[in-house]
Every structure is written in C-alpha cells, then in structure tokens.
Amino acid sequence: MKIAHVCCVVPPAGGMGTVAFREVTGLRARGVEATLFTPESRITNNESRSFVKFIPTAWQYGNAAWLKGIVSSLKEFDVIHLHYPFYGTAERILAASDSLPPIVVSFHMDATAPSWKGIIFRLHRVLVQPFLFSHAKKILVASYDYAASSSIKSMIDRVIELPFGVDLDRYTPGPSVKARFSVPEEAPIILFVGGLDKAHAFKGIDVLLKATAQLDAKTHLLIVGDGDLRATYEEEAKRLGIDRRTHFLGRVDDATVIDAYRSADVFAFPSTNGAEAFGLVALEAQACGLPVVASDLPGLRTVVRPQETGILVKPSSVEELAQGLYRVLSDRGFRQRLSEAGINHARHFSWDAHLDGLQKVYKEVCVLRS
C-alpha cells in the first residue's frame, strides 16, 4: 500500500508537522510505502530523508501555500492523507477528489489569527470548509472533545477519534540532570515546550512569564522552542525581572527534550484559545512522570485529567496559572500523586495503537474505493 501524507510543515516547525512526520516514519517502519509532501521552503534537517518530498510553491504566505503539480503527483498512491488546515493546497486536492485516490483528512485545529486574517479564516470555515470536507472519505480527530466544540461539530457523526500517541519506550521517567540546563539542583523548574513564532502566539508564553514572576525567586523556567517572537519574550522576561532564571533553550533534539521533562518539576501548558486542539507535548511530559498545569480547553481535557494527572486553569489567567504552578511545586505529596497517575494515563496513548488505527482506516477507504 502506498500512502501520501500532505502537510504544510515538518519538524521542527509545529505539532502538526511533528505528527505527520512521525506517522510516516512509523508506517515505513511497518513496511508501508509512505511519503510526506511539504513546501520546499520547509527544508530542514529532514532533507536527507528520501521519503520527505519538498515541493516548489507558486506562492506561499505563512503556512498557506500552492504546491506546484501536487494533484498529479498524488495519483500514483492508494490513499492520500491530508493534514488540515493547509490553505491553498487542501482546496485543490479535495476539489479534485473525483480524479484522485481516497482522501483521509486529519483535522488538527481551527486556525485563529487577529484582525483581517482571523476574519478570512472564519469566512473560509463557513463558506468553503463544508464543501471541502464533503469530499473526504474519513475525517480523523485527536479528540472528540475538541471536535465537538470546533467548526466541524456539525459533522461529528462522520468523525473518527484517533488520539495521537507517544513512544513509550523513549518517553519514560529517568534521572534529573538540572545541571545540564544551568539550574541548581535544589531549584524548582517549570518547563514549557512549543513554538515561539507568530503562528503559535496562542501558546500563552506571555501569560507564563507573568505567572512565573509571581512565584518564588528560586523557581526557574525552561522554554524549549524557537521562533520570530523569541526576542519579544526575552525582553518581557527582562522587564519582569526573571531573565536570570528564565532559560530560552531554542530548538533542541528529542533526547534533550526528554532530559528537560525528567529534570523539571511541573510542565506548563498555558494556551489561550481553541487553536490548541490536543497537546501532544503534555502527553509526553506525563509519560516522563511530569505533572501538568494546563489551560481548561477542549482537547486538552482529553490529555490532562484534572486533579489526577494535572491541574486545569482558566485560559489567559495569570493568577490561576500561578496558583496552579505554586500548588504543584509546593506540595511534594500532591506532585508525586500526579506524577504516578500521569505515567499510567500516558500508557493509554501508545504510538503503536495510533498506527494500528491509521492502518485500519486506510484499509477501510481502499475497500470503499473498490
């Protein structure tokens, strides 16, 4: 079986790209001929991977792009797996569905943006998206909770829930290595992992910085990720007087992220709106035994169980985030209970189970085609 994945980003940019890349590599490890198509501008350290095809663009704006010749390139495959949203390319693929193999859509999130871009996104969801999704054979979501509150809630009867998974052989509890991050062994650590670019402004890093400023001066904050807003956040940390205990690590490899999970005392997930649809990094944190304080948003409630594996707080509330972080950091017994429950909870989200579900869907759409 030949599977084509189409995504607007690849690692290290964005959770959607990470999911697509891991799905393709996982399928290939199982003997499936899977290929990932993405814009040429996304060439990164993955460029040596023969199964990642970087396609020239006729135009590109942010994560929207027109991939040249993409429709004709997909005709040789048995199934097309489109990661949505991918404005400019998704429309062409779904509109041409009658001449293409069966199309499976992973609906990752509702795109959000301020001002005129947000208006365009909302108009697209109302006027264009229903037509596009009518051409998909299957619609996959990581969380029914998120789907039921999103723009596809009217299609909920067509949706298949397939939560993302974690490599449970790699993401495990382990020894703390705080010295690696220039943090004293006795100092509490808050960890954040995510994009620092304008496309991920909803991650709530500004809220996290202000909350950290309200905590004990011995508390350190590790921020893993990079982007065009990094300098802005660094200036904000300086303004708040926490720059000496806020560590911007930039983009790091998976082994370093795992070390950060194991060294931290609490994981912060302060996203501010519905552009956050699942929270894979929060699941990775729990697999490593790290309690989570997250925004109470659809999708995140699938990943974080309140008062069991973490604490859910009001989105954009500096006070509630600070209180949640303080409670976890100040109560060792509570922190340990969250840690143990989080490890057990993460075991229900194995990557193998996710891949099993994917292959089942692919087989079903191939049967429908025949």
Protein backbone atom coordinates (compact mmCIF):
# COMPACT_ATOMS: atom_id res chain seq x y z
CA MET A 1 0.00 0.00 0.00
CA LYS A 2 1.30 3.46 -0.96
CA ILE A 3 0.26 6.33 1.30
CA ALA A 4 0.83 10.03 0.60
CA HIS A 5 0.80 12.46 3.51
CA VAL A 6 0.46 16.16 2.71
CA CYS A 7 1.28 18.74 5.39
CA CYS A 8 2.12 22.44 5.43
CA VAL A 9 5.00 21.99 7.90
CA VAL A 10 7.57 19.43 9.03
CA PRO A 11 9.68 19.26 12.19
CA PRO A 12 10.94 21.28 13.87
CA ALA A 13 8.05 23.61 12.94
CA GLY A 14 4.76 22.91 14.70
CA GLY A 15 2.93 20.00 16.27
CA MET A 16 1.02 19.22 13.07
CA GLY A 17 4.27 18.66 11.20
CA THR A 18 5.63 16.52 14.02
CA VAL A 19 2.56 14.28 13.91
CA ALA A 20 2.71 13.90 10.12
CA PHE A 21 6.42 13.10 10.19
CA ARG A 22 6.05 10.55 12.99
CA GLU A 23 3.11 8.90 11.24
CA VAL A 24 5.10 8.50 8.04
CA THR A 25 8.22 7.18 9.77
CA GLY A 26 6.10 4.82 11.88
CA LEU A 27 4.26 3.46 8.85
CA ARG A 28 7.52 2.94 6.97
CA ALA A 29 8.91 1.01 9.94
CA ARG A 30 5.94 -1.32 9.45
CA GLY A 31 6.75 -1.84 5.78
CA VAL A 32 4.23 0.66 4.39
CA GLU A 33 5.44 2.81 1.48
CA ALA A 34 4.59 6.22 2.93
CA THR A 35 5.74 9.61 1.58
CA LEU A 36 5.38 13.09 3.09
CA PHE A 37 4.80 16.08 0.78
CA THR A 38 5.51 19.57 2.12
CA PRO A 39 6.54 23.00 0.76
CA GLU A 40 10.12 23.37 -0.45
CA SER A 41 10.62 26.25 1.97
CA ARG A 42 10.37 23.78 4.85
CA ILE A 43 13.70 22.09 4.08
CA THR A 44 15.37 21.34 7.41
CA ASN A 45 17.48 18.57 8.85
CA ASN A 46 14.92 16.18 7.34
CA GLU A 47 16.12 16.98 3.83
CA SER A 48 18.23 13.81 3.74
CA ARG A 49 15.13 11.70 4.28
CA SER A 50 14.19 10.27 0.91
CA PHE A 51 10.53 9.91 1.90
CA VAL A 52 10.09 13.67 2.52
CA LYS A 53 9.31 15.37 -0.79
CA PHE A 54 9.87 19.12 -0.76
CA ILE A 55 7.65 20.63 -3.44
CA PRO A 56 8.23 24.06 -5.07
CA THR A 57 5.49 26.60 -4.43
CA ALA A 58 3.79 29.01 -6.81
CA TRP A 59 3.11 31.21 -3.77
CA GLN A 60 3.34 30.95 -0.01
CA TYR A 61 2.15 33.05 2.90
CA GLY A 62 2.84 31.73 6.38
CA ASN A 63 1.61 28.12 6.45
CA ALA A 64 -0.58 28.60 3.37
CA ALA A 65 0.97 27.55 0.06
CA TRP A 66 0.24 26.46 -3.51
CA LEU A 67 2.27 23.31 -4.16
CA LYS A 68 3.17 23.05 -7.83
CA GLY A 69 1.90 19.88 -9.51
CA ILE A 70 0.70 18.32 -6.26
CA VAL A 71 -2.54 16.90 -7.69
CA SER A 72 -0.80 14.96 -10.47
CA SER A 73 1.90 13.77 -8.03
CA LEU A 74 -0.72 12.12 -5.80
CA LYS A 75 -2.42 9.97 -8.44
CA GLU A 76 0.05 7.09 -8.08
CA PHE A 77 -0.86 6.48 -4.41
CA ASP A 78 -3.53 4.24 -2.88
CA VAL A 79 -4.58 6.72 -0.16
CA ILE A 80 -3.99 10.44 0.34
CA HIS A 81 -3.74 11.61 3.95
CA LEU A 82 -4.19 15.38 4.14
CA HIS A 83 -3.27 17.25 7.31
CA TYR A 84 -5.65 20.17 7.72
CA PRO A 85 -5.55 23.16 7.73
CA PHE A 86 -3.31 23.62 4.70
CA TYR A 87 -4.80 26.61 2.91
CA GLY A 88 -4.04 26.84 -0.81
CA THR A 89 -3.27 23.15 -1.20
CA ALA A 90 -6.13 21.44 0.66
CA GLU A 91 -8.67 23.17 -1.61
CA ARG A 92 -7.00 21.89 -4.77
CA ILE A 93 -6.65 18.33 -3.53
CA LEU A 94 -10.20 17.97 -2.18
CA ALA A 95 -11.79 19.72 -5.16
CA ALA A 96 -10.02 17.21 -7.43
CA SER A 97 -11.08 14.21 -5.33
CA ASP A 98 -13.03 12.56 -8.19
CA SER A 99 -9.78 12.04 -10.09
CA LEU A 100 -7.69 11.07 -7.07
CA PRO A 101 -7.33 8.09 -4.70
CA PRO A 102 -9.44 8.14 -1.50
CA ILE A 103 -8.66 11.11 0.75
CA VAL A 104 -8.39 10.91 4.54
CA VAL A 105 -8.30 14.24 6.39
CA SER A 106 -6.74 14.76 9.79
CA PHE A 107 -8.46 17.83 11.22
CA HIS A 108 -5.87 19.25 13.59
CA MET A 109 -7.43 22.55 14.63
CA ASP A 110 -9.34 25.68 13.74
CA ALA A 111 -6.80 28.26 12.64
CA THR A 112 -7.03 31.53 14.54
CA ALA A 113 -5.49 34.95 13.98
CA PRO A 114 -6.16 38.58 14.90
CA SER A 115 -7.69 41.27 12.65
CA TRP A 116 -8.28 40.63 8.95
CA LYS A 117 -6.60 37.20 8.89
CA GLY A 118 -9.00 35.96 11.56
CA ILE A 119 -11.94 37.21 9.51
CA ILE A 120 -10.69 35.33 6.45
CA PHE A 121 -10.27 32.14 8.49
CA ARG A 122 -13.83 32.41 9.81
CA LEU A 123 -15.29 33.06 6.35
CA HIS A 124 -13.37 30.10 4.97
CA ARG A 125 -14.75 27.83 7.70
CA VAL A 126 -18.32 28.86 6.87
CA LEU A 127 -18.22 29.17 3.08
CA VAL A 128 -15.53 26.74 1.89
CA GLN A 129 -14.70 24.14 4.52
CA PRO A 130 -18.03 22.22 4.45
CA PHE A 131 -17.67 21.74 0.69
CA LEU A 132 -14.09 20.56 1.05
CA PHE A 133 -14.80 18.06 3.82
CA SER A 134 -17.69 16.56 1.87
CA HIS A 135 -15.04 15.11 -0.45
CA ALA A 136 -13.11 13.35 2.33
CA LYS A 137 -13.74 9.63 2.82
CA LYS A 138 -12.78 9.82 6.50
CA ILE A 139 -12.20 12.68 8.95
CA LEU A 140 -9.81 11.97 11.83
CA VAL A 141 -9.51 13.99 15.04
CA ALA A 142 -7.29 13.51 18.06
CA SER A 143 -10.12 14.41 20.44
CA TYR A 144 -13.93 14.24 20.23
CA ASP A 145 -13.97 16.88 22.93
CA TYR A 146 -12.20 19.32 20.64
CA ALA A 147 -14.19 18.34 17.53
CA ALA A 148 -17.50 18.87 19.36
CA SER A 149 -16.59 22.50 20.06
CA SER A 150 -14.91 23.24 16.74
CA SER A 151 -16.02 24.26 13.25
CA ILE A 152 -16.69 20.62 12.34
CA LYS A 153 -19.14 19.96 15.17
CA SER A 154 -21.98 19.63 12.62
CA MET A 155 -20.02 16.73 11.03
CA ILE A 156 -19.39 14.94 14.32
CA ASP A 157 -21.20 11.82 13.09
CA ARG A 158 -18.54 11.46 10.37
CA VAL A 159 -15.59 11.93 12.71
CA ILE A 160 -13.27 9.18 13.93
CA GLU A 161 -11.37 9.83 17.16
CA LEU A 162 -7.76 8.67 16.90
CA PRO A 163 -5.64 10.21 19.67
CA PHE A 164 -2.01 10.91 18.94
CA GLY A 165 0.49 8.63 20.58
CA VAL A 166 3.75 8.70 22.48
CA ASP A 167 6.78 6.49 22.02
CA LEU A 168 6.53 4.87 25.44
CA ASP A 169 9.91 3.20 25.03
CA ARG A 170 11.65 6.59 24.91
CA TYR A 171 9.43 8.91 26.92
CA THR A 172 9.88 7.42 30.37
CA PRO A 173 10.79 8.68 33.85
CA GLY A 174 14.52 9.00 34.45
CA PRO A 175 17.22 10.80 36.42
CA SER A 176 17.16 14.59 36.75
CA VAL A 177 20.03 16.45 35.08
CA LYS A 178 19.32 20.04 36.16
CA ALA A 179 23.00 20.95 35.90
CA ARG A 180 22.79 20.38 32.16
CA PHE A 181 20.41 23.35 32.00
CA SER A 182 22.49 25.52 34.37
CA VAL A 183 19.92 25.20 37.14
CA PRO A 184 20.86 24.48 40.78
CA GLU A 185 19.82 21.01 41.92
CA GLU A 186 17.56 22.36 44.67
CA ALA A 187 15.77 24.88 42.40
CA PRO A 188 12.22 24.09 41.21
CA ILE A 189 11.82 24.01 37.41
CA ILE A 190 8.80 24.89 35.28
CA LEU A 191 9.06 23.58 31.71
CA PHE A 192 7.41 24.80 28.51
CA VAL A 193 7.82 23.16 25.08
CA GLY A 194 6.39 24.78 21.97
CA GLY A 195 6.76 27.24 19.10
CA LEU A 196 7.78 30.84 19.76
CA ASP A 197 6.60 32.20 16.42
CA LYS A 198 3.61 34.33 15.46
CA ALA A 199 1.70 31.26 14.25
CA HIS A 200 1.92 29.92 17.81
CA ALA A 201 1.21 33.14 19.70
CA PHE A 202 -1.77 31.29 21.23
CA LYS A 203 0.66 29.18 23.29
CA GLY A 204 0.42 31.79 26.05
CA ILE A 205 4.11 32.30 26.81
CA ASP A 206 3.44 35.89 27.84
CA VAL A 207 0.96 34.58 30.43
CA LEU A 208 3.50 32.03 31.65
CA LEU A 209 6.23 34.64 32.09
CA LYS A 210 3.94 36.82 34.19
CA ALA A 211 2.86 33.83 36.28
CA THR A 212 6.48 32.80 36.85
CA ALA A 213 7.25 36.32 38.08
CA GLN A 214 4.69 35.77 40.86
CA LEU A 215 6.44 32.63 42.14
CA ASP A 216 9.38 32.18 44.49
CA ALA A 217 12.58 33.75 43.16
CA LYS A 218 14.30 30.34 43.34
CA THR A 219 11.96 28.97 40.64
CA HIS A 220 13.48 28.58 37.18
CA LEU A 221 11.65 28.44 33.84
CA LEU A 222 12.92 26.39 30.89
CA ILE A 223 11.49 27.32 27.48
CA VAL A 224 12.17 24.83 24.68
CA GLY A 225 11.41 26.11 21.19
CA ASP A 226 12.20 28.97 18.87
CA GLY A 227 10.61 31.46 16.52
CA ASP A 228 10.27 35.08 15.49
CA LEU A 229 8.73 36.07 18.86
CA ARG A 230 11.62 34.77 20.94
CA ALA A 231 13.29 38.18 21.25
CA THR A 232 9.98 39.69 22.37
CA TYR A 233 9.61 37.07 25.09
CA GLU A 234 13.22 37.54 26.19
CA GLU A 235 12.59 41.27 26.56
CA GLU A 236 9.44 40.55 28.56
CA ALA A 237 11.38 38.24 30.89
CA LYS A 238 13.90 41.03 31.41
CA ARG A 239 11.15 43.57 32.06
CA LEU A 240 9.60 41.26 34.67
CA GLY A 241 12.96 40.74 36.36
CA ILE A 242 13.08 37.00 35.75
CA ASP A 243 15.60 36.89 32.88
CA ARG A 244 18.31 35.31 35.05
CA ARG A 245 16.06 32.38 35.91
CA THR A 246 14.37 32.05 32.52
CA HIS A 247 16.32 29.83 30.13
CA PHE A 248 15.50 30.00 26.42
CA LEU A 249 16.95 26.76 25.06
CA GLY A 250 15.89 27.18 21.43
CA ARG A 251 15.28 24.14 19.26
CA VAL A 252 16.83 21.00 20.72
CA ASP A 253 16.87 17.33 19.84
CA ASP A 254 14.45 14.78 21.28
CA ALA A 255 17.00 13.46 23.78
CA THR A 256 17.42 16.95 25.25
CA VAL A 257 13.64 17.43 25.46
CA ILE A 258 13.36 14.14 27.35
CA ASP A 259 16.12 15.28 29.74
CA ALA A 260 14.15 18.50 30.28
CA TYR A 261 10.96 16.57 31.05
CA ARG A 262 12.83 14.42 33.56
CA SER A 263 14.55 17.39 35.21
CA ALA A 264 11.51 19.65 35.59
CA ASP A 265 9.04 19.65 38.47
CA VAL A 266 5.96 20.82 36.57
CA PHE A 267 5.00 21.26 32.92
CA ALA A 268 3.16 24.42 31.91
CA PHE A 269 0.69 24.41 29.01
CA PRO A 270 -0.88 27.90 29.09
CA SER A 271 -2.52 28.03 25.64
CA THR A 272 -5.09 30.79 25.32
CA ASN A 273 -7.66 29.64 22.74
CA GLY A 274 -9.11 26.86 20.59
CA ALA A 275 -6.20 26.80 18.19
CA GLU A 276 -4.81 24.32 20.73
CA ALA A 277 -6.54 21.06 19.92
CA PHE A 278 -4.74 18.26 21.76
CA GLY A 279 -1.39 18.88 23.45
CA LEU A 280 1.00 16.11 22.45
CA VAL A 281 3.85 17.59 24.49
CA ALA A 282 1.67 17.48 27.62
CA LEU A 283 1.21 13.77 27.00
CA GLU A 284 4.97 13.31 26.55
CA ALA A 285 5.53 15.16 29.82
CA GLN A 286 3.15 12.85 31.68
CA ALA A 287 4.82 9.78 30.17
CA CYS A 288 8.04 11.05 31.75
CA GLY A 289 6.31 11.47 35.11
CA LEU A 290 5.89 15.24 34.95
CA PRO A 291 2.66 16.81 36.34
CA VAL A 292 0.93 19.33 34.06
CA VAL A 293 -0.76 22.66 34.68
CA ALA A 294 -2.76 23.43 31.53
CA SER A 295 -5.49 25.71 30.25
CA ASP A 296 -9.01 24.32 30.53
CA LEU A 297 -9.63 23.98 26.80
CA PRO A 298 -11.38 21.36 24.63
CA GLY A 299 -8.85 18.76 23.56
CA LEU A 300 -6.50 19.41 26.44
CA ARG A 301 -9.13 17.84 28.68
CA THR A 302 -8.51 14.61 26.74
CA VAL A 303 -4.83 14.72 27.64
CA VAL A 304 -4.82 16.15 31.18
CA ARG A 305 -7.15 14.74 33.84
CA PRO A 306 -7.89 17.50 36.39
CA GLN A 307 -6.68 16.79 39.92
CA GLU A 308 -5.50 13.37 38.73
CA THR A 309 -2.62 13.95 36.30
CA GLY A 310 -2.56 17.75 36.49
CA ILE A 311 -4.47 20.96 37.07
CA LEU A 312 -6.66 22.81 34.56
CA VAL A 313 -6.88 26.60 34.87
CA LYS A 314 -8.77 29.40 33.19
CA PRO A 315 -7.13 30.31 29.84
CA SER A 316 -5.19 33.60 29.87
CA SER A 317 -5.47 33.93 33.66
CA VAL A 318 -2.07 34.82 35.10
CA GLU A 319 -3.39 34.42 38.64
CA GLU A 320 -4.88 30.95 38.14
CA LEU A 321 -1.80 29.72 36.28
CA ALA A 322 0.47 30.99 39.05
CA GLN A 323 -1.74 29.37 41.70
CA GLY A 324 -1.75 26.03 39.85
CA LEU A 325 2.01 26.04 39.41
CA TYR A 326 2.52 27.00 43.06
CA ARG A 327 0.28 24.20 44.29
CA VAL A 328 2.20 21.56 42.36
CA LEU A 329 5.61 22.97 43.30
CA SER A 330 4.80 23.45 46.98
CA ASP A 331 3.12 20.11 47.72
CA ARG A 332 5.54 17.23 47.22
CA GLY A 333 2.94 14.56 48.01
CA PHE A 334 0.41 16.02 45.56
CA ARG A 335 3.12 16.32 42.91
CA GLN A 336 4.09 12.67 43.36
CA ARG A 337 0.47 11.50 43.05
CA LEU A 338 0.04 13.48 39.83
CA SER A 339 3.30 12.06 38.50
CA GLU A 340 2.33 8.43 39.11
CA ALA A 341 -1.16 8.89 37.67
CA GLY A 342 0.26 10.70 34.63
CA ILE A 343 2.58 7.81 33.81
CA ASN A 344 -0.36 5.37 33.92
CA HIS A 345 -2.57 7.73 31.90
CA ALA A 346 0.04 8.10 29.14
CA ARG A 347 0.13 4.33 28.68
CA HIS A 348 -3.31 4.58 27.04
CA PHE A 349 -1.78 6.69 24.25
CA SER A 350 0.82 4.44 22.67
CA TRP A 351 2.17 5.24 19.21
CA ASP A 352 1.59 1.63 18.15
CA ALA A 353 -2.12 1.95 18.91
CA HIS A 354 -2.26 5.14 16.85
CA LEU A 355 -0.58 3.46 13.87
CA ASP A 356 -2.92 0.45 14.20
CA GLY A 357 -5.86 2.85 13.91
CA LEU A 358 -4.37 4.60 10.90
CA GLN A 359 -3.82 1.37 9.00
CA LYS A 360 -7.36 0.25 9.77
CA VAL A 361 -8.72 3.50 8.30
CA TYR A 362 -6.57 3.17 5.18
CA LYS A 363 -7.80 -0.38 4.57
CA GLU A 364 -11.42 0.70 5.02
CA VAL A 365 -11.19 3.51 2.45
CA CYS A 366 -9.47 1.21 -0.01
CA VAL A 367 -12.34 -1.27 0.35
CA LEU A 368 -14.82 1.57 -0.21
CA ARG A 369 -12.97 2.52 -3.37
CA SER A 370 -13.12 -0.99 -4.80
